[in-house]
């Protein structure tokens, strides 16, 4: 019949299937990630991670000509922050 007609067996079977699928995929994913981590590693060295992975991974600069540091910022005038009473 069905869930709305008083027979929850199909719903329970599907819930068991979904739960077992999540458990299976989770375990297989953990095993695969651990295996890859043992063989080649999942992370880059900390210096490359801080500098960015454009040059170490791709061999080119991702954003050429753009320098993000405090000296390149334009200060905002204080007049924009004044509140008139």
Foldseek 3Di string as FASTA:
>chain_A
DDDVVPDCPVVVVVVVVVVVVVVVVVVVVVVVQVVCCVVPRDDDDPVCVVVDCCCVPPNDDDDPPDDDDPVPDDDDDCVVVDDDD
